[in-house]
Every structure is written in structure tokens, then in C-alpha cells.
Amino acid sequence: MAMLINEDCISCSACEPECPNEAISQGDSIYVIDPDRCTECVGAFDTPKCVEVCPVDGCIIHDPNHVESPEALQSKYERLH
């Protein structure tokens, strides 16, 4: 499952440099996460770094439209790296 940045984003840019897969970029008004690159930090960290560094609680959530198993996320991470 990829992560999703919701409308609570304040565009502080804290999350973008923390992503090991370069999945986060500036959108039109808020930051966005590319679900094809997001592995929820599986393969790199124990928890999603974007969630850890985000100053807005609940701003970054699991994307219900992109559900993947831990094995699929690990495989995606390996393909990206």
C-alpha cells in the first residue's frame, strides 16, 4: 500500500528529502506521493519516514486505492534500487 498526502498538507517540504524512493514531489498545492515508487519505506526503514517527519498529525495516511502486501512492497523496493 502506498502512502497518501491529504489536504491537511501545509507544503513544508519536510517529507520530500526523507523518501528513500524519491516518491514525493511538490504538486499544484500540496505534496504528492507517486504510488508506483512508494514502498511505505519497506526495504529501507521500519516505518514510513514521511509520516515520522511530517509536522501535521494525520496528514499522511495509507492510500486505500493502492493496497500491497509487505512482500510486494519489498519487491518494488528492490526493483527501484
C-alpha atoms as a PDB file:
ATOM      1  CA  MET A   1       0.000   0.000   0.000  1.00  0.00           C
ATOM      2  CA  ALA A   2       1.346   3.404  -0.849  1.00  0.00           C
ATOM      3  CA  MET A   3       1.082   6.400   1.396  1.00  0.00           C
ATOM      4  CA  LEU A   4      -1.129   9.374   0.544  1.00  0.00           C
ATOM      5  CA  ILE A   5      -0.741  13.029   1.483  1.00  0.00           C
ATOM      6  CA  ASN A   6      -4.135  14.592   2.175  1.00  0.00           C
ATOM      7  CA  GLU A   7      -5.418  18.170   2.029  1.00  0.00           C
ATOM      8  CA  ASP A   8      -4.066  18.888   5.530  1.00  0.00           C
ATOM      9  CA  CYS A   9      -0.591  19.253   3.965  1.00  0.00           C
ATOM     10  CA  ILE A  10       1.000  22.632   4.726  1.00  0.00           C
ATOM     11  CA  SER A  11       3.651  22.224   1.974  1.00  0.00           C
ATOM     12  CA  CYS A  12       6.520  22.459   4.453  1.00  0.00           C
ATOM     13  CA  SER A  13       8.700  20.095   2.336  1.00  0.00           C
ATOM     14  CA  ALA A  14       9.883  18.077   5.354  1.00  0.00           C
ATOM     15  CA  CYS A  15       8.839  14.787   3.757  1.00  0.00           C
ATOM     16  CA  GLU A  16      10.342  15.121   0.282  1.00  0.00           C
ATOM     17  CA  PRO A  17      14.061  14.692   1.128  1.00  0.00           C
ATOM     18  CA  GLU A  18      13.318  11.838   3.555  1.00  0.00           C
ATOM     19  CA  CYS A  19      11.820   9.489   0.969  1.00  0.00           C
ATOM     20  CA  PRO A  20      14.320   6.764   0.028  1.00  0.00           C
ATOM     21  CA  ASN A  21      12.487   6.118  -3.247  1.00  0.00           C
ATOM     22  CA  GLU A  22      12.071   9.736  -4.395  1.00  0.00           C
ATOM     23  CA  ALA A  23       8.316   9.149  -4.475  1.00  0.00           C
ATOM     24  CA  ILE A  24       7.357  12.548  -3.037  1.00  0.00           C
ATOM     25  CA  SER A  25       7.166  15.734  -5.087  1.00  0.00           C
ATOM     26  CA  GLN A  26       5.506  19.140  -4.980  1.00  0.00           C
ATOM     27  CA  GLY A  27       2.047  19.063  -6.530  1.00  0.00           C
ATOM     28  CA  ASP A  28      -0.125  22.019  -7.511  1.00  0.00           C
ATOM     29  CA  SER A  29      -0.983  22.998  -3.945  1.00  0.00           C
ATOM     30  CA  ILE A  30       0.319  20.174  -1.724  1.00  0.00           C
ATOM     31  CA  TYR A  31       2.972  17.486  -1.890  1.00  0.00           C
ATOM     32  CA  VAL A  32       2.031  14.233  -3.623  1.00  0.00           C
ATOM     33  CA  ILE A  33       3.273  10.651  -3.436  1.00  0.00           C
ATOM     34  CA  ASP A  34       3.792   8.538  -6.557  1.00  0.00           C
ATOM     35  CA  PRO A  35       2.234   5.161  -5.669  1.00  0.00           C
ATOM     36  CA  ASP A  36       4.457   3.440  -8.246  1.00  0.00           C
ATOM     37  CA  ARG A  37       7.526   4.483  -6.230  1.00  0.00           C
ATOM     38  CA  CYS A  38       6.185   4.376  -2.657  1.00  0.00           C
ATOM     39  CA  THR A  39       7.035   1.268  -0.641  1.00  0.00           C
ATOM     40  CA  GLU A  40       5.975   2.660   2.754  1.00  0.00           C
ATOM     41  CA  CYS A  41       9.748   2.568   3.363  1.00  0.00           C
ATOM     42  CA  VAL A  42       9.716  -1.255   3.335  1.00  0.00           C
ATOM     43  CA  GLY A  43      13.274  -2.235   2.493  1.00  0.00           C
ATOM     44  CA  ALA A  44      14.737   0.984   3.876  1.00  0.00           C
ATOM     45  CA  PHE A  45      13.168   1.757   7.270  1.00  0.00           C
ATOM     46  CA  ASP A  46      10.863   0.158   9.830  1.00  0.00           C
ATOM     47  CA  THR A  47       8.186   2.841   9.414  1.00  0.00           C
ATOM     48  CA  PRO A  48       7.350   5.417   6.722  1.00  0.00           C
ATOM     49  CA  LYS A  49       9.824   8.292   7.130  1.00  0.00           C
ATOM     50  CA  CYS A  50       7.379  10.800   5.640  1.00  0.00           C
ATOM     51  CA  VAL A  51       4.933  10.145   8.469  1.00  0.00           C
ATOM     52  CA  GLU A  52       7.715  10.436  11.071  1.00  0.00           C
ATOM     53  CA  VAL A  53       8.880  13.861   9.887  1.00  0.00           C
ATOM     54  CA  CYS A  54       5.513  15.395   8.986  1.00  0.00           C
ATOM     55  CA  PRO A  55       4.581  18.127  11.484  1.00  0.00           C
ATOM     56  CA  VAL A  56       0.843  17.703  10.753  1.00  0.00           C
ATOM     57  CA  ASP A  57      -0.663  14.716  12.543  1.00  0.00           C
ATOM     58  CA  GLY A  58      -2.790  12.590  10.198  1.00  0.00           C
ATOM     59  CA  CYS A  59      -1.653  14.377   7.039  1.00  0.00           C
ATOM     60  CA  ILE A  60      -0.013  11.287   5.527  1.00  0.00           C
ATOM     61  CA  ILE A  61      -2.139   8.151   5.534  1.00  0.00           C
ATOM     62  CA  HIS A  62      -2.258   4.746   3.846  1.00  0.00           C
ATOM     63  CA  ASP A  63      -3.700   5.065   0.346  1.00  0.00           C
ATOM     64  CA  PRO A  64      -6.755   2.785   0.195  1.00  0.00           C
ATOM     65  CA  ASN A  65      -6.543   2.760  -3.619  1.00  0.00           C
ATOM     66  CA  HIS A  66      -3.056   1.214  -3.618  1.00  0.00           C
ATOM     67  CA  VAL A  67      -3.048  -1.786  -1.293  1.00  0.00           C
ATOM     68  CA  GLU A  68       0.030  -4.042  -1.493  1.00  0.00           C
ATOM     69  CA  SER A  69       1.420  -6.826   0.669  1.00  0.00           C
ATOM     70  CA  PRO A  70       4.718  -6.404   2.528  1.00  0.00           C
ATOM     71  CA  GLU A  71       6.251  -8.847   0.045  1.00  0.00           C
ATOM     72  CA  ALA A  72       5.073  -6.785  -2.921  1.00  0.00           C
ATOM     73  CA  LEU A  73       6.430  -3.616  -1.302  1.00  0.00           C
ATOM     74  CA  GLN A  74       9.809  -5.291  -0.705  1.00  0.00           C
ATOM     75  CA  SER A  75       9.891  -6.459  -4.323  1.00  0.00           C
ATOM     76  CA  LYS A  76       9.078  -2.937  -5.533  1.00  0.00           C
ATOM     77  CA  TYR A  77      11.857  -1.514  -3.335  1.00  0.00           C
ATOM     78  CA  GLU A  78      14.350  -3.987  -4.789  1.00  0.00           C
ATOM     79  CA  ARG A  79      13.307  -3.074  -8.352  1.00  0.00           C
ATOM     80  CA  LEU A  80      13.754   0.634  -7.591  1.00  0.00           C
ATOM     81  CA  HIS A  81      17.199   0.129  -6.116  1.00  0.00           C
END
